[in-house]
Amino acid sequence: MFVALLAGRDPETLLPPSPGQHDQADGRPEPDRNPAGAGAPGNRQGGSGGPGPGGLAALTGTVHLVMPAAAWLGLTDAPGEAAGLGPLDAWTCRDLAARLAAGPATRWHVTLTGPDGRATAHATPRAGPGPPAQPGGCRNWLAGLRFDRLEHRTCSHLRQTPRYHPPDRLQNLIRARQRTCSFPGCRRPATRCDLDHTLPYNQGGPTCECNLSPLCRRHHRTKQAAGWNLTQPQPGILIWATPHSRTYTVTPDPYLV
């Protein structure tokens, strides 16, 4: 149930039909008549809702869970958070992470933060750590990851591309650095925003960390309106100038640490 709610969908719509279900005349699925499965989202087989047919591996949608590695490893009880839901206690985060780790379709993103809680490096493993089968397995998995360091202050343009659309690696870095829309006060998640060229691409703006930031569609259009101006003097530091000559500086949001 919790995973379904995090995915933002009715739990019943996330489950594949039971083997004995048949469509009604109007095309709607016949309700499940098995008492053992009733009221147990993620468990049409009467199991525990774990991985496997009818379990978490059968769910669709996206769950964006953010938690400190130390909390994941059980070294601290620092809270985490889930996009669209807010802060979660460490016990809930560990339980959810353990369940997701067993799912073959789970995608992992690991972000390192500095003392101020802001992102400093990011990795996108091809495979997760899997179920915690042996002590130290998660630590070894973390130690073996290859991280990309985020540009800071002066950009070296190491990941600049001549293309308009940034590759996945660059997209992941920008969205790890800035988790929400870059307009002052906007909280729309970066995963639901455009990756905007601060200096337009057709005016010579590079597709690079120092010239990209997430903007929701509404504020993307605001930036293009007469009288508005946006600059990015350092990677991730954006300065908005309004038609009334007011300026607002936006910096990346810190993670919970």
Protein backbone atom coordinates (compact mmCIF):
# COMPACT_ATOMS: atom_id res chain seq x y z
CA MET A 1 0.00 0.00 0.00
CA PHE A 2 2.77 2.43 0.96
CA VAL A 3 4.69 1.91 -2.30
CA ALA A 4 1.49 2.40 -4.29
CA LEU A 5 0.73 5.67 -2.51
CA LEU A 6 4.27 6.89 -3.16
CA ALA A 7 3.76 6.13 -6.83
CA GLY A 8 0.77 8.50 -6.76
CA ARG A 9 -1.72 6.00 -8.12
CA ASP A 10 -4.61 3.88 -6.92
CA PRO A 11 -2.97 0.70 -5.59
CA GLU A 12 -5.47 -1.48 -7.45
CA THR A 13 -4.42 -0.01 -10.80
CA LEU A 14 -0.78 -0.94 -10.23
CA LEU A 15 -1.40 -4.68 -10.04
CA PRO A 16 -1.59 -7.13 -12.94
CA PRO A 17 -4.90 -8.99 -13.23
CA SER A 18 -5.23 -12.25 -11.32
CA PRO A 19 -4.99 -15.42 -13.40
CA GLY A 20 -8.70 -16.12 -12.87
CA GLN A 21 -9.94 -12.64 -13.74
CA HIS A 22 -11.99 -12.11 -16.90
CA ASP A 23 -13.17 -8.89 -18.47
CA GLN A 24 -16.79 -7.88 -18.18
CA ALA A 25 -18.88 -6.95 -21.17
CA ASP A 26 -17.97 -3.27 -20.81
CA GLY A 27 -14.25 -4.08 -20.86
CA ARG A 28 -13.65 -3.51 -17.14
CA PRO A 29 -11.79 -6.20 -15.17
CA GLU A 30 -13.92 -8.49 -13.09
CA PRO A 31 -13.40 -7.78 -9.33
CA ASP A 32 -11.15 -10.21 -7.50
CA ARG A 33 -13.36 -12.68 -5.67
CA ASN A 34 -10.57 -14.37 -3.74
CA PRO A 35 -11.07 -13.44 -0.06
CA ALA A 36 -7.42 -14.09 0.69
CA GLY A 37 -6.37 -11.33 -1.71
CA ALA A 38 -9.01 -8.77 -0.80
CA GLY A 39 -7.70 -5.61 0.82
CA ALA A 40 -4.08 -6.58 0.26
CA PRO A 41 -2.60 -4.35 -2.46
CA GLY A 42 0.55 -5.88 -3.94
CA ASN A 43 -0.53 -9.33 -2.89
CA ARG A 44 -2.94 -11.13 -5.19
CA GLN A 45 -1.26 -14.40 -4.37
CA GLY A 46 -1.90 -14.20 -0.63
CA GLY A 47 1.85 -13.73 0.05
CA SER A 48 3.71 -11.08 1.95
CA GLY A 49 3.77 -8.46 -0.78
CA GLY A 50 7.46 -9.01 -1.43
CA PRO A 51 9.24 -9.51 -4.75
CA GLY A 52 7.86 -11.92 -7.28
CA PRO A 53 4.51 -12.35 -9.07
CA GLY A 54 1.91 -10.09 -7.54
CA GLY A 55 4.45 -8.46 -5.22
CA LEU A 56 6.48 -5.22 -5.35
CA ALA A 57 8.22 -6.32 -8.55
CA ALA A 58 4.82 -6.22 -10.32
CA LEU A 59 4.17 -2.57 -9.42
CA THR A 60 4.57 0.19 -11.96
CA GLY A 61 5.18 3.91 -11.51
CA THR A 62 8.01 5.85 -9.91
CA VAL A 63 9.09 6.05 -6.29
CA HIS A 64 11.79 8.66 -5.61
CA LEU A 65 13.26 7.86 -2.21
CA VAL A 66 16.06 10.01 -0.81
CA MET A 67 17.88 8.94 2.33
CA PRO A 68 21.35 9.37 3.87
CA ALA A 69 23.65 6.41 3.24
CA ALA A 70 24.46 6.26 6.94
CA ALA A 71 20.76 5.84 7.71
CA TRP A 72 20.44 3.19 5.01
CA LEU A 73 23.35 1.28 6.55
CA GLY A 74 21.83 1.57 10.01
CA LEU A 75 24.58 3.83 11.36
CA THR A 76 22.25 6.73 12.14
CA ASP A 77 18.54 7.45 12.43
CA ALA A 78 18.64 10.58 10.27
CA PRO A 79 15.40 11.00 8.30
CA GLY A 80 14.96 10.70 4.55
CA GLU A 81 12.24 11.86 2.22
CA ALA A 82 10.05 10.75 -0.66
CA ALA A 83 9.20 13.09 -3.50
CA GLY A 84 5.63 14.30 -3.20
CA LEU A 85 5.27 12.96 0.35
CA GLY A 86 7.90 14.76 2.41
CA PRO A 87 10.18 13.61 5.25
CA LEU A 88 10.13 9.96 6.35
CA ASP A 89 11.68 8.46 9.47
CA ALA A 90 14.78 6.30 9.08
CA TRP A 91 12.95 3.05 9.87
CA THR A 92 10.37 3.62 7.12
CA CYS A 93 13.11 4.55 4.66
CA ARG A 94 15.14 1.44 5.42
CA ASP A 95 12.13 -0.81 5.06
CA LEU A 96 11.14 0.74 1.74
CA ALA A 97 14.72 0.67 0.43
CA ALA A 98 15.07 -3.01 1.34
CA ARG A 99 11.86 -3.85 -0.52
CA LEU A 100 12.83 -1.82 -3.58
CA ALA A 101 16.33 -3.33 -3.61
CA ALA A 102 14.80 -6.68 -4.46
CA GLY A 103 12.94 -5.31 -7.49
CA PRO A 104 14.72 -5.95 -10.81
CA ALA A 105 13.33 -2.73 -12.34
CA THR A 106 14.52 -0.43 -9.55
CA ARG A 107 16.83 2.34 -10.74
CA TRP A 108 19.42 3.65 -8.29
CA HIS A 109 20.88 7.14 -8.04
CA VAL A 110 23.52 7.88 -5.40
CA THR A 111 24.40 11.49 -4.54
CA LEU A 112 27.26 12.60 -2.28
CA THR A 113 26.75 15.80 -0.31
CA GLY A 114 29.06 18.29 1.37
CA PRO A 115 28.89 19.61 4.95
CA ASP A 116 26.11 22.02 3.91
CA GLY A 117 23.95 19.18 2.56
CA ARG A 118 24.30 20.22 -1.08
CA ALA A 119 25.22 17.74 -3.80
CA THR A 120 28.90 17.37 -4.68
CA ALA A 121 28.95 14.16 -6.76
CA HIS A 122 26.54 11.71 -8.34
CA ALA A 123 26.54 8.12 -9.57
CA THR A 124 23.97 6.07 -11.49
CA PRO A 125 24.77 2.37 -10.95
CA ARG A 126 23.71 -0.10 -13.61
CA ALA A 127 22.50 -2.43 -10.88
CA GLY A 128 21.48 -2.00 -7.28
CA PRO A 129 22.96 -3.70 -4.26
CA GLY A 130 20.29 -6.39 -4.24
CA PRO A 131 18.81 -7.81 -1.03
CA PRO A 132 21.11 -7.44 2.02
CA ALA A 133 22.26 -11.06 1.92
CA GLN A 134 25.51 -10.64 3.83
CA PRO A 135 27.06 -8.08 6.20
CA GLY A 136 29.04 -5.42 4.39
CA GLY A 137 27.39 -6.06 1.03
CA CYS A 138 25.82 -2.59 0.80
CA ARG A 139 29.05 -0.92 1.95
CA ASN A 140 31.05 -2.78 -0.70
CA TRP A 141 28.52 -1.78 -3.34
CA LEU A 142 28.78 1.89 -2.36
CA ALA A 143 32.59 1.74 -2.27
CA GLY A 144 32.68 0.35 -5.82
CA LEU A 145 30.60 3.11 -7.44
CA ARG A 146 32.09 5.58 -9.88
CA PHE A 147 31.05 9.15 -9.08
CA ASP A 148 30.96 12.23 -11.30
CA ARG A 149 32.01 15.34 -9.40
CA LEU A 150 29.76 18.33 -9.88
CA GLU A 151 31.35 21.51 -11.24
CA HIS A 152 31.86 24.20 -8.60
CA ARG A 153 32.50 27.91 -9.10
CA THR A 154 34.56 27.77 -12.32
CA CYS A 155 33.31 25.23 -14.85
CA SER A 156 35.85 23.03 -16.64
CA HIS A 157 33.28 22.01 -19.32
CA LEU A 158 34.38 18.36 -19.08
CA ARG A 159 30.88 17.10 -19.82
CA GLN A 160 29.87 19.73 -22.37
CA THR A 161 28.22 18.31 -25.48
CA PRO A 162 27.59 19.95 -28.87
CA ARG A 163 24.05 18.55 -28.90
CA TYR A 164 20.97 20.48 -27.80
CA HIS A 165 19.60 17.65 -25.66
CA PRO A 166 21.91 16.75 -22.77
CA PRO A 167 22.79 13.06 -22.44
CA ASP A 168 21.43 11.07 -19.50
CA ARG A 169 24.64 11.42 -17.52
CA LEU A 170 24.46 15.22 -17.67
CA GLN A 171 20.74 15.26 -16.96
CA ASN A 172 21.27 13.18 -13.83
CA LEU A 173 23.95 15.56 -12.57
CA ILE A 174 21.79 18.66 -13.07
CA ARG A 175 18.78 17.08 -11.34
CA ALA A 176 20.94 15.83 -8.46
CA ARG A 177 22.37 19.33 -8.04
CA GLN A 178 19.02 21.12 -8.24
CA ARG A 179 16.12 19.04 -7.03
CA THR A 180 13.37 21.55 -7.85
CA CYS A 181 12.52 24.20 -10.43
CA SER A 182 15.08 27.03 -10.40
CA PHE A 183 12.50 29.80 -10.19
CA PRO A 184 12.40 31.52 -6.75
CA GLY A 185 9.93 29.71 -4.49
CA CYS A 186 8.84 27.04 -7.00
CA ARG A 187 8.87 23.54 -5.51
CA ARG A 188 8.07 21.46 -8.59
CA PRO A 189 10.46 18.47 -8.63
CA ALA A 190 13.28 18.69 -11.16
CA THR A 191 12.21 15.32 -12.57
CA ARG A 192 9.05 17.05 -13.83
CA CYS A 193 10.84 20.10 -15.26
CA ASP A 194 12.50 21.03 -18.54
CA LEU A 195 16.29 21.26 -18.54
CA ASP A 196 16.64 24.82 -19.75
CA HIS A 197 19.65 26.50 -21.37
CA THR A 198 20.19 29.67 -19.32
CA LEU A 199 21.75 31.34 -22.37
CA PRO A 200 19.64 29.97 -25.25
CA TYR A 201 21.26 27.28 -27.35
CA ASN A 202 20.49 29.15 -30.57
CA GLN A 203 22.41 32.14 -29.18
CA GLY A 204 25.54 30.15 -28.48
CA GLY A 205 24.63 28.81 -25.05
CA PRO A 206 26.50 25.55 -24.34
CA THR A 207 24.86 22.31 -23.25
CA CYS A 208 26.90 22.14 -20.08
CA GLU A 209 26.52 22.13 -16.28
CA CYS A 210 27.22 25.86 -16.20
CA ASN A 211 24.35 26.67 -18.58
CA LEU A 212 21.60 24.19 -17.64
CA SER A 213 19.02 24.22 -14.88
CA PRO A 214 15.58 22.68 -14.31
CA LEU A 215 12.62 24.95 -15.02
CA CYS A 216 8.98 23.93 -14.91
CA ARG A 217 7.03 24.75 -18.06
CA ARG A 218 5.36 27.79 -16.50
CA HIS A 219 8.59 29.42 -15.38
CA HIS A 220 10.37 28.38 -18.56
CA ARG A 221 7.85 30.58 -20.35
CA THR A 222 8.28 33.32 -17.73
CA LYS A 223 11.99 33.42 -18.47
CA GLN A 224 11.21 33.98 -22.15
CA ALA A 225 8.75 36.82 -21.47
CA ALA A 226 9.67 40.44 -22.15
CA GLY A 227 11.56 42.15 -19.35
CA TRP A 228 12.80 38.98 -17.62
CA ASN A 229 16.46 37.97 -17.56
CA LEU A 230 18.25 34.91 -16.16
CA THR A 231 21.98 34.44 -15.72
CA GLN A 232 24.09 31.62 -14.23
CA PRO A 233 27.42 33.13 -13.14
CA GLN A 234 28.48 29.86 -11.49
CA PRO A 235 27.21 26.31 -12.04
CA GLY A 236 23.94 26.01 -10.12
CA ILE A 237 23.81 29.68 -9.01
CA LEU A 238 21.03 31.48 -10.88
CA ILE A 239 20.17 35.17 -10.77
CA TRP A 240 16.71 36.28 -11.89
CA ALA A 241 16.03 39.89 -12.89
CA THR A 242 12.36 40.90 -13.07
CA PRO A 243 10.83 43.54 -15.36
CA HIS A 244 10.80 45.87 -12.32
CA SER A 245 14.59 45.53 -11.89
CA ARG A 246 14.42 43.35 -8.79
CA THR A 247 16.93 40.52 -8.58
CA TYR A 248 16.63 37.12 -6.87
CA THR A 249 19.43 34.59 -6.43
CA VAL A 250 18.57 30.88 -6.40
CA THR A 251 20.99 28.28 -5.04
CA PRO A 252 20.63 24.46 -4.99
CA ASP A 253 18.49 23.07 -2.18
CA PRO A 254 20.31 21.02 0.46
CA TYR A 255 19.52 17.37 1.09
CA LEU A 256 18.48 16.07 4.48
CA VAL A 257 21.66 14.94 6.25
